[in-house]
């Protein structure tokens, strides 16, 4: 999102330190202009320091194997797309709001990977349009997942606990596979690090659905499924809104 926000700015290099929440930007013009473009993203951006490039300390760079990264992104896209279809169908059959919402989360990640692959080598306008399309689809699916959760709460439908646990466990295996695939490339740039974070978050979501299934089985009530479905739906909705705010 930061890269797309700054795509039409006079920038020659972006250097991300995600754990330290710091970004170094090689640019022409005033630093305030760069900061002004970052503020609407809501990440709490502030200017730490500004140096002439001739005076700036050298930044360590690591050459990335872009073809290897692209292969990994294609595999992540395929895994998430397949699991989206599996979880959506299983969630509908098992009356599980949690599985349906987790399917929407799978689609959201697949959309992010698809935009990343589509945007390689294209102009900033195409990147931004692709991101907005992905954000719009995420928004519609998140609203659909939240609406389905609300409908099931109103109808009082009882989810199939065994199906919830089984399908969520399958999704967990898929996301662990994604983590293994991406782990060797997570230092290959901000986009690869972000992909690693997405997969790690998906593992947590899968564990949440499994926990909800166990609670449904133990309590004989549907509310754990409704809670996890709402939380995952709100997570996807938040990501969609951030993407749609890109200008």
Protein backbone atom coordinates (compact mmCIF):
# COMPACT_ATOMS: atom_id res chain seq x y z
CA UNK A 1 0.00 0.00 0.00
CA UNK A 2 2.88 2.36 0.76
CA UNK A 3 4.53 1.56 -2.57
CA UNK A 4 1.32 2.27 -4.48
CA UNK A 5 0.70 5.46 -2.48
CA UNK A 6 4.13 6.76 -3.50
CA UNK A 7 4.12 5.31 -7.02
CA UNK A 8 3.77 8.70 -8.76
CA UNK A 9 6.20 10.53 -6.45
CA UNK A 10 9.80 11.41 -7.46
CA UNK A 11 11.32 8.39 -5.72
CA UNK A 12 14.35 6.31 -6.66
CA UNK A 13 14.35 3.87 -3.75
CA UNK A 14 12.33 2.56 -0.79
CA UNK A 15 14.04 0.68 2.04
CA UNK A 16 11.67 -0.99 4.54
CA UNK A 17 12.47 -2.02 8.10
CA UNK A 18 9.12 -3.63 8.98
CA UNK A 19 10.03 -4.89 12.49
CA UNK A 20 11.37 -1.42 13.36
CA UNK A 21 8.43 0.33 11.60
CA UNK A 22 10.86 2.58 9.72
CA UNK A 23 10.99 3.52 6.04
CA UNK A 24 13.91 5.20 4.30
CA UNK A 25 13.02 6.97 1.05
CA UNK A 26 15.45 8.15 -1.64
CA UNK A 27 13.60 11.02 -3.32
CA UNK A 28 13.77 14.40 -5.00
CA UNK A 29 11.97 17.43 -3.58
CA UNK A 30 10.91 18.11 -0.01
CA UNK A 31 10.56 15.38 2.61
CA UNK A 32 7.32 17.02 3.80
CA UNK A 33 5.69 16.19 0.47
CA UNK A 34 6.48 12.49 0.93
CA UNK A 35 5.18 12.56 4.50
CA UNK A 36 1.97 14.26 3.37
CA UNK A 37 1.23 11.37 0.99
CA UNK A 38 1.81 8.77 3.70
CA UNK A 39 -0.33 10.32 6.43
CA UNK A 40 -3.75 9.33 4.94
CA UNK A 41 -2.81 5.63 5.20
CA UNK A 42 -3.28 5.89 8.97
CA UNK A 43 0.00 4.22 9.93
CA UNK A 44 1.08 7.10 12.19
CA UNK A 45 3.83 8.27 9.84
CA UNK A 46 6.18 10.97 11.09
CA UNK A 47 9.47 12.35 9.79
CA UNK A 48 12.44 11.06 11.79
CA UNK A 49 15.22 12.70 9.82
CA UNK A 50 16.07 13.99 6.35
CA UNK A 51 19.53 13.91 4.81
CA UNK A 52 21.01 14.75 1.44
CA UNK A 53 21.71 11.49 -0.38
CA UNK A 54 25.41 12.29 -0.52
CA UNK A 55 25.45 12.48 3.31
CA UNK A 56 23.23 9.49 4.02
CA UNK A 57 24.81 6.28 5.33
CA UNK A 58 24.79 3.39 2.84
CA UNK A 59 21.83 1.02 3.19
CA UNK A 60 22.45 -2.69 3.06
CA UNK A 61 20.73 -4.23 0.06
CA UNK A 62 20.29 -7.83 -0.91
CA UNK A 63 19.73 -8.85 -4.53
CA UNK A 64 16.40 -10.64 -4.87
CA UNK A 65 15.65 -13.52 -7.16
CA UNK A 66 12.49 -12.05 -8.66
CA UNK A 67 11.64 -15.15 -10.67
CA UNK A 68 11.82 -17.34 -7.56
CA UNK A 69 9.67 -14.83 -5.68
CA UNK A 70 7.13 -14.82 -8.51
CA UNK A 71 6.94 -18.64 -8.43
CA UNK A 72 6.29 -18.56 -4.69
CA UNK A 73 3.61 -15.89 -5.10
CA UNK A 74 1.91 -17.97 -7.80
CA UNK A 75 1.87 -20.97 -5.45
CA UNK A 76 0.49 -18.87 -2.60
CA UNK A 77 -2.17 -17.50 -4.93
CA UNK A 78 -3.16 -21.02 -6.06
CA UNK A 79 -3.32 -22.41 -2.51
CA UNK A 80 -5.42 -19.52 -1.22
CA UNK A 81 -7.76 -19.63 -4.23
CA UNK A 82 -8.38 -23.38 -3.83
CA UNK A 83 -8.96 -23.07 -0.08
CA UNK A 84 -11.34 -20.15 -0.68
CA UNK A 85 -13.57 -22.43 -2.78
CA UNK A 86 -13.26 -25.37 -0.34
CA UNK A 87 -13.98 -23.32 2.79
CA UNK A 88 -16.82 -21.38 1.19
CA UNK A 89 -18.60 -24.55 0.09
CA UNK A 90 -17.91 -26.37 3.34
CA UNK A 91 -18.96 -23.35 5.42
CA UNK A 92 -22.28 -23.12 3.60
CA UNK A 93 -22.90 -26.88 3.98
CA UNK A 94 -21.88 -26.91 7.67
CA UNK A 95 -23.81 -23.70 8.51
CA UNK A 96 -20.57 -22.18 9.84
CA UNK A 97 -20.15 -18.40 9.80
CA UNK A 98 -16.52 -18.88 10.90
CA UNK A 99 -15.63 -21.04 7.89
CA UNK A 100 -17.37 -18.65 5.49
CA UNK A 101 -15.53 -15.65 6.97
CA UNK A 102 -12.22 -17.54 6.84
CA UNK A 103 -12.92 -18.28 3.17
CA UNK A 104 -13.29 -14.52 2.62
CA UNK A 105 -9.93 -14.04 4.33
CA UNK A 106 -8.41 -16.61 1.96
CA UNK A 107 -9.83 -14.68 -0.99
CA UNK A 108 -8.48 -11.40 0.40
CA UNK A 109 -4.96 -12.85 0.50
CA UNK A 110 -5.34 -14.37 -2.99
CA UNK A 111 -6.40 -10.93 -4.25
CA UNK A 112 -3.32 -9.30 -2.68
CA UNK A 113 -1.00 -11.87 -4.30
CA UNK A 114 -2.80 -11.45 -7.62
CA UNK A 115 -2.40 -7.66 -7.52
CA UNK A 116 1.29 -8.04 -6.64
CA UNK A 117 1.86 -10.31 -9.63
CA UNK A 118 -0.23 -8.18 -12.01
CA UNK A 119 1.50 -4.97 -10.97
CA UNK A 120 5.04 -6.16 -11.71
CA UNK A 121 6.53 -3.94 -14.40
CA UNK A 122 3.33 -1.93 -14.95
CA UNK A 123 2.68 1.77 -14.61
CA UNK A 124 1.53 3.28 -11.31
CA UNK A 125 -1.99 3.87 -12.68
CA UNK A 126 -2.42 0.17 -13.48
CA UNK A 127 -1.12 -0.83 -10.05
CA UNK A 128 -3.55 1.49 -8.31
CA UNK A 129 -6.52 0.36 -10.43
CA UNK A 130 -5.69 -3.30 -9.75
CA UNK A 131 -5.43 -2.64 -6.03
CA UNK A 132 -8.77 -0.82 -5.97
CA UNK A 133 -10.46 -3.69 -7.81
CA UNK A 134 -9.08 -6.15 -5.25
CA UNK A 135 -10.18 -3.84 -2.44
CA UNK A 136 -13.70 -3.57 -3.87
CA UNK A 137 -14.02 -7.35 -4.14
CA UNK A 138 -12.74 -7.72 -0.57
CA UNK A 139 -15.26 -5.13 0.62
CA UNK A 140 -18.18 -6.93 -1.02
CA UNK A 141 -17.09 -10.32 0.31
CA UNK A 142 -16.48 -8.96 3.83
CA UNK A 143 -19.95 -7.40 3.89
CA UNK A 144 -21.37 -10.66 2.58
CA UNK A 145 -19.59 -12.65 5.31
CA UNK A 146 -20.81 -10.26 8.03
CA UNK A 147 -24.33 -10.36 6.58
CA UNK A 148 -24.28 -14.17 6.53
CA UNK A 149 -23.08 -14.21 10.14
CA UNK A 150 -25.92 -11.87 11.13
CA UNK A 151 -28.43 -14.03 9.24
CA UNK A 152 -27.28 -17.17 11.01
CA UNK A 153 -27.43 -15.39 14.37
CA UNK A 154 -31.01 -14.32 13.63
CA UNK A 155 -32.01 -17.79 12.42
CA UNK A 156 -30.19 -19.47 15.30
CA UNK A 157 -28.70 -22.13 12.99
CA UNK A 158 -26.36 -24.61 14.64
CA UNK A 159 -23.04 -25.25 12.87
CA UNK A 160 -21.61 -28.73 12.33
CA UNK A 161 -18.74 -28.75 14.83
CA UNK A 162 -16.88 -31.73 13.31
CA UNK A 163 -16.98 -30.18 9.84
CA UNK A 164 -15.80 -26.84 11.25
CA UNK A 165 -12.80 -28.44 12.94
CA UNK A 166 -11.93 -30.69 10.00
CA UNK A 167 -12.04 -28.03 7.28
CA UNK A 168 -10.28 -25.45 9.49
CA UNK A 169 -7.55 -28.05 10.17
CA UNK A 170 -7.17 -28.54 6.39
CA UNK A 171 -6.90 -24.77 5.94
CA UNK A 172 -4.33 -24.70 8.74
CA UNK A 173 -2.18 -27.26 6.90
CA UNK A 174 -2.50 -25.17 3.70
CA UNK A 175 -1.41 -21.99 5.47
CA UNK A 176 1.48 -23.72 7.21
CA UNK A 177 2.57 -24.85 3.73
CA UNK A 178 2.35 -21.21 2.63
CA UNK A 179 4.54 -20.20 5.57
CA UNK A 180 7.13 -22.81 4.63
CA UNK A 181 7.11 -21.62 0.99
CA UNK A 182 7.47 -17.95 1.87
CA UNK A 183 9.88 -18.28 4.81
CA UNK A 184 12.94 -18.51 2.58
CA UNK A 185 11.97 -15.30 0.76
CA UNK A 186 10.63 -13.12 3.57
CA UNK A 187 13.80 -10.99 3.49
CA UNK A 188 13.47 -10.46 -0.26
CA UNK A 189 11.57 -7.17 0.06
CA UNK A 190 8.63 -5.58 1.80
CA UNK A 191 6.09 -7.38 -0.40
CA UNK A 192 7.53 -10.79 0.52
CA UNK A 193 7.66 -9.87 4.20
CA UNK A 194 4.03 -8.75 3.97
CA UNK A 195 3.10 -12.06 2.32
CA UNK A 196 4.74 -13.89 5.22
CA UNK A 197 2.74 -11.81 7.70
CA UNK A 198 -0.50 -12.53 5.81
CA UNK A 199 0.16 -16.28 5.98
CA UNK A 200 1.03 -16.09 9.69
CA UNK A 201 -2.20 -14.19 10.38
CA UNK A 202 -4.13 -16.84 8.42
CA UNK A 203 -2.71 -19.53 10.70
CA UNK A 204 -4.08 -17.60 13.69
CA UNK A 205 -7.49 -17.29 11.98
CA UNK A 206 -7.55 -21.05 11.32
CA UNK A 207 -6.71 -21.74 14.96
CA UNK A 208 -9.55 -19.40 15.90
CA UNK A 209 -12.04 -21.39 13.80
CA UNK A 210 -10.79 -24.68 15.26
CA UNK A 211 -11.15 -23.26 18.78
CA UNK A 212 -14.65 -22.05 17.93
CA UNK A 213 -15.54 -25.54 16.66
CA UNK A 214 -14.28 -27.11 19.88
CA UNK A 215 -16.31 -24.62 21.94
CA UNK A 216 -19.41 -25.35 19.85
CA UNK A 217 -18.92 -29.07 20.47
CA UNK A 218 -18.30 -28.57 24.20
CA UNK A 219 -21.07 -26.05 24.89
CA UNK A 220 -23.68 -27.23 22.41
CA UNK A 221 -24.21 -23.59 21.42
CA UNK A 222 -23.51 -21.67 18.21
CA UNK A 223 -22.23 -18.37 19.64
CA UNK A 224 -18.46 -19.23 19.36
CA UNK A 225 -18.93 -19.66 15.59
CA UNK A 226 -20.74 -16.32 15.36
CA UNK A 227 -18.00 -14.53 17.32
CA UNK A 228 -15.13 -15.85 15.18
CA UNK A 229 -17.09 -15.20 11.98
CA UNK A 230 -17.66 -11.59 13.01
CA UNK A 231 -14.02 -11.02 14.00
CA UNK A 232 -12.61 -12.45 10.75
CA UNK A 233 -15.19 -10.55 8.68
CA UNK A 234 -14.19 -7.28 10.37
CA UNK A 235 -10.52 -8.06 9.71
CA UNK A 236 -11.15 -8.48 5.97
CA UNK A 237 -13.36 -5.37 5.94
CA UNK A 238 -10.62 -3.30 7.57
CA UNK A 239 -8.08 -4.39 4.95
CA UNK A 240 -10.50 -3.59 2.12
CA UNK A 241 -11.14 -0.08 3.44
CA UNK A 242 -7.41 0.63 3.71
CA UNK A 243 -6.88 -0.43 0.09
CA UNK A 244 -9.84 1.62 -1.18
CA UNK A 245 -8.45 4.71 0.58
CA UNK A 246 -5.38 4.64 -1.68
CA UNK A 247 -5.15 7.69 -3.95
